[in-house]
N, C-alpha and C. Protein backbone atom coordinates (compact mmCIF):
# COMPACT_ATOMS: atom_id res chain seq x y z
N MET A 1 -10.81 139.35 311.56
CA MET A 1 -10.15 140.12 310.57
C MET A 1 -10.50 139.28 309.47
N ARG A 2 -10.66 140.05 308.34
CA ARG A 2 -10.99 139.39 307.01
C ARG A 2 -9.71 139.77 306.10
N ILE A 3 -9.04 138.69 305.26
CA ILE A 3 -7.96 138.58 304.47
C ILE A 3 -8.50 138.47 303.12
N LYS A 4 -8.05 139.11 301.97
CA LYS A 4 -8.52 138.83 300.61
C LYS A 4 -7.39 138.24 299.88
N LYS A 5 -7.33 137.06 299.51
CA LYS A 5 -6.16 136.96 298.57
C LYS A 5 -6.63 136.61 297.07
N ARG A 6 -5.90 136.74 296.24
CA ARG A 6 -5.99 136.44 294.88
C ARG A 6 -5.16 135.13 294.56
N LEU A 7 -5.86 134.21 293.87
CA LEU A 7 -5.18 132.83 293.73
C LEU A 7 -5.66 132.73 292.45
N GLN A 8 -4.75 132.52 291.50
CA GLN A 8 -4.99 132.06 289.95
C GLN A 8 -6.22 132.63 289.24
N GLY A 9 -6.16 134.04 289.70
CA GLY A 9 -7.21 135.21 288.90
C GLY A 9 -8.44 135.06 289.82
N HIS A 10 -8.61 134.44 291.01
CA HIS A 10 -9.74 134.43 291.60
C HIS A 10 -9.35 134.99 293.01
N ASP A 11 -10.64 135.83 293.63
CA ASP A 11 -10.36 136.19 294.76
C ASP A 11 -10.96 135.36 295.77
N ILE A 12 -9.98 135.14 296.93
CA ILE A 12 -10.67 134.03 298.09
C ILE A 12 -10.40 135.06 299.18
N ILE A 13 -11.72 135.01 299.94
CA ILE A 13 -11.69 135.81 301.32
C ILE A 13 -11.64 134.67 302.51
N LEU A 14 -10.85 134.95 303.27
CA LEU A 14 -10.85 134.02 304.67
C LEU A 14 -11.08 134.82 305.84
N ASP A 15 -11.82 134.45 306.52
CA ASP A 15 -12.26 135.21 307.97
C ASP A 15 -11.26 134.41 309.13
N TYR A 16 -10.67 135.27 309.70
CA TYR A 16 -9.80 134.97 310.79
C TYR A 16 -10.63 135.51 312.10
N LYS A 17 -10.85 134.57 313.06
CA LYS A 17 -11.47 134.84 314.28
C LYS A 17 -10.57 134.64 315.34
N ARG A 18 -10.13 135.64 316.08
CA ARG A 18 -9.18 135.35 317.23
C ARG A 18 -9.84 134.42 318.22
N VAL A 19 -9.10 133.39 318.72
CA VAL A 19 -9.52 132.52 319.76
C VAL A 19 -8.89 132.95 320.83
N LYS A 20 -7.38 133.04 320.82
CA LYS A 20 -6.96 133.41 322.11
C LYS A 20 -5.79 134.18 321.95
N LYS A 21 -5.36 134.98 322.99
CA LYS A 21 -4.26 135.85 322.71
C LYS A 21 -3.25 135.76 323.85
N TYR A 22 -1.90 135.57 323.36
CA TYR A 22 -1.01 135.15 324.35
C TYR A 22 -0.02 136.37 324.72
N LYS A 23 0.78 136.28 325.90
CA LYS A 23 1.40 137.20 326.40
C LYS A 23 2.65 137.74 325.49
N ASN A 24 3.13 136.67 324.95
CA ASN A 24 4.21 137.16 324.08
C ASN A 24 4.02 137.61 322.82
N GLY A 25 2.99 138.00 322.52
CA GLY A 25 2.66 138.95 321.09
C GLY A 25 1.82 138.08 320.32
N TYR A 26 1.64 136.78 320.43
CA TYR A 26 1.05 135.95 319.49
C TYR A 26 -0.43 135.91 319.77
N ALA A 27 -1.37 135.67 318.51
CA ALA A 27 -2.72 135.38 318.74
C ALA A 27 -2.90 134.23 317.97
N LEU A 28 -4.00 133.30 318.55
CA LEU A 28 -4.35 131.99 317.90
C LEU A 28 -5.70 132.30 317.21
N TYR A 29 -5.77 131.99 315.96
CA TYR A 29 -6.98 132.26 315.02
C TYR A 29 -7.51 131.23 314.53
N ASP A 30 -8.84 130.91 314.49
CA ASP A 30 -9.44 129.94 313.47
C ASP A 30 -9.59 130.60 312.37
N VAL A 31 -9.43 129.79 311.12
CA VAL A 31 -9.60 130.44 309.64
C VAL A 31 -10.75 130.05 309.24
N TYR A 32 -11.70 130.62 308.69
CA TYR A 32 -12.81 130.11 307.93
C TYR A 32 -12.82 130.51 306.57
N LYS A 33 -13.59 129.84 305.74
CA LYS A 33 -13.91 130.32 304.37
C LYS A 33 -15.42 129.98 304.11
N GLN A 34 -16.27 130.99 304.09
CA GLN A 34 -17.59 130.83 303.65
C GLN A 34 -18.32 130.01 304.89
N GLY A 35 -17.82 130.37 305.90
CA GLY A 35 -18.56 129.80 307.23
C GLY A 35 -17.98 128.22 307.28
N VAL A 36 -17.00 127.86 306.57
CA VAL A 36 -16.44 126.45 306.91
C VAL A 36 -15.07 126.53 307.59
N PHE A 37 -14.59 125.95 308.66
CA PHE A 37 -13.63 125.87 309.47
C PHE A 37 -12.39 125.37 308.70
N LEU A 38 -11.50 125.88 308.29
CA LEU A 38 -10.33 125.40 307.56
C LEU A 38 -9.22 124.87 308.42
N TYR A 39 -8.68 125.80 309.33
CA TYR A 39 -7.34 125.45 309.87
C TYR A 39 -7.19 126.46 311.23
N ARG A 40 -6.50 126.25 311.99
CA ARG A 40 -6.16 127.12 313.28
C ARG A 40 -4.68 127.52 312.97
N THR A 41 -4.14 128.81 313.17
CA THR A 41 -2.79 129.55 313.18
C THR A 41 -2.64 130.61 314.06
N CYS A 42 -1.28 130.64 314.39
CA CYS A 42 -0.81 131.76 315.38
C CYS A 42 -0.16 132.73 314.39
N LEU A 43 -0.57 134.06 314.75
CA LEU A 43 0.10 135.26 314.09
C LEU A 43 0.53 136.29 314.82
N THR A 44 1.46 136.90 314.70
CA THR A 44 1.80 138.26 315.23
C THR A 44 1.20 139.43 314.40
N LYS A 45 1.47 140.64 315.08
CA LYS A 45 1.05 141.85 314.27
C LYS A 45 2.24 142.13 313.15
N LEU A 46 3.57 141.44 313.42
CA LEU A 46 4.37 141.55 312.28
C LEU A 46 4.30 140.56 310.89
N HIS A 47 3.52 139.54 311.31
CA HIS A 47 2.80 138.66 310.47
C HIS A 47 1.75 139.39 309.55
N ILE A 48 1.15 140.03 310.19
CA ILE A 48 -0.23 140.40 309.45
C ILE A 48 0.37 141.86 308.68
N ALA A 49 1.38 142.42 309.05
CA ALA A 49 1.83 143.50 308.59
C ALA A 49 2.56 142.94 307.23
N ASP A 50 3.47 141.85 307.21
CA ASP A 50 3.95 141.30 306.04
C ASP A 50 3.03 140.78 305.17
N MET A 51 1.77 140.62 305.49
CA MET A 51 0.69 140.24 304.44
C MET A 51 0.17 141.31 303.78
N GLU A 52 0.13 142.26 304.51
CA GLU A 52 -0.37 143.46 303.77
C GLU A 52 0.69 144.05 302.97
N ARG A 53 1.95 143.98 303.40
CA ARG A 53 3.08 144.47 302.38
C ARG A 53 2.96 143.43 301.13
N THR A 54 2.76 142.43 301.10
CA THR A 54 2.96 141.42 300.14
C THR A 54 1.77 141.62 299.07
N GLY A 55 0.80 142.31 299.62
CA GLY A 55 -0.40 142.60 298.41
C GLY A 55 -1.73 141.96 299.10
N TYR A 56 -1.89 141.26 300.14
CA TYR A 56 -3.16 140.88 300.63
C TYR A 56 -3.76 141.89 301.19
N LEU A 57 -4.99 142.16 301.01
CA LEU A 57 -5.96 143.02 301.77
C LEU A 57 -6.52 142.63 302.88
N VAL A 58 -6.37 143.16 303.99
CA VAL A 58 -6.48 142.87 305.41
C VAL A 58 -7.46 143.95 305.89
N ASN A 59 -8.63 143.46 306.38
CA ASN A 59 -9.57 144.19 306.96
C ASN A 59 -9.68 143.92 308.29
N ASP A 60 -9.33 144.94 309.30
CA ASP A 60 -9.37 144.41 310.93
C ASP A 60 -10.64 144.67 311.42
N GLU A 61 -11.64 144.91 310.87
CA GLU A 61 -12.92 144.75 311.44
C GLU A 61 -13.39 143.29 311.90
N GLU A 62 -14.19 143.54 312.93
CA GLU A 62 -14.67 142.30 313.55
C GLU A 62 -15.64 141.58 312.46
N VAL A 63 -15.27 140.22 312.11
CA VAL A 63 -16.10 139.65 311.27
C VAL A 63 -17.48 139.03 312.13
N PHE A 64 -18.38 139.07 311.43
CA PHE A 64 -19.50 138.60 311.98
C PHE A 64 -19.55 137.00 312.30
N GLU A 65 -20.24 136.61 313.30
CA GLU A 65 -20.11 135.11 313.67
C GLU A 65 -21.05 134.26 312.93
N TRP A 66 -20.23 133.23 312.55
CA TRP A 66 -20.67 132.14 311.85
C TRP A 66 -21.83 131.49 312.53
N LYS A 67 -23.28 131.26 312.34
CA LYS A 67 -24.26 130.65 313.10
C LYS A 67 -24.43 129.08 312.40
N LYS A 68 -24.27 128.19 313.37
CA LYS A 68 -24.53 126.64 312.77
C LYS A 68 -26.26 126.56 313.17
N GLU A 69 -26.77 125.84 312.06
CA GLU A 69 -28.17 125.83 311.97
C GLU A 69 -28.56 124.17 312.14
């Protein structure tokens, strides 16, 4: 999933790659920016809907894999 944020007039694109899905509705995501790992977070569909409602652009397409060289 790709999320586009606007911070101080600049667009920031974060790539969320799902690592694991839990039974209670949560999913664990690794967050990358331009192929560099930033952090790991848990989100629900409600969290993602809140992000869309507050103005973030959310793209649910599967993001290409970053390859280490």
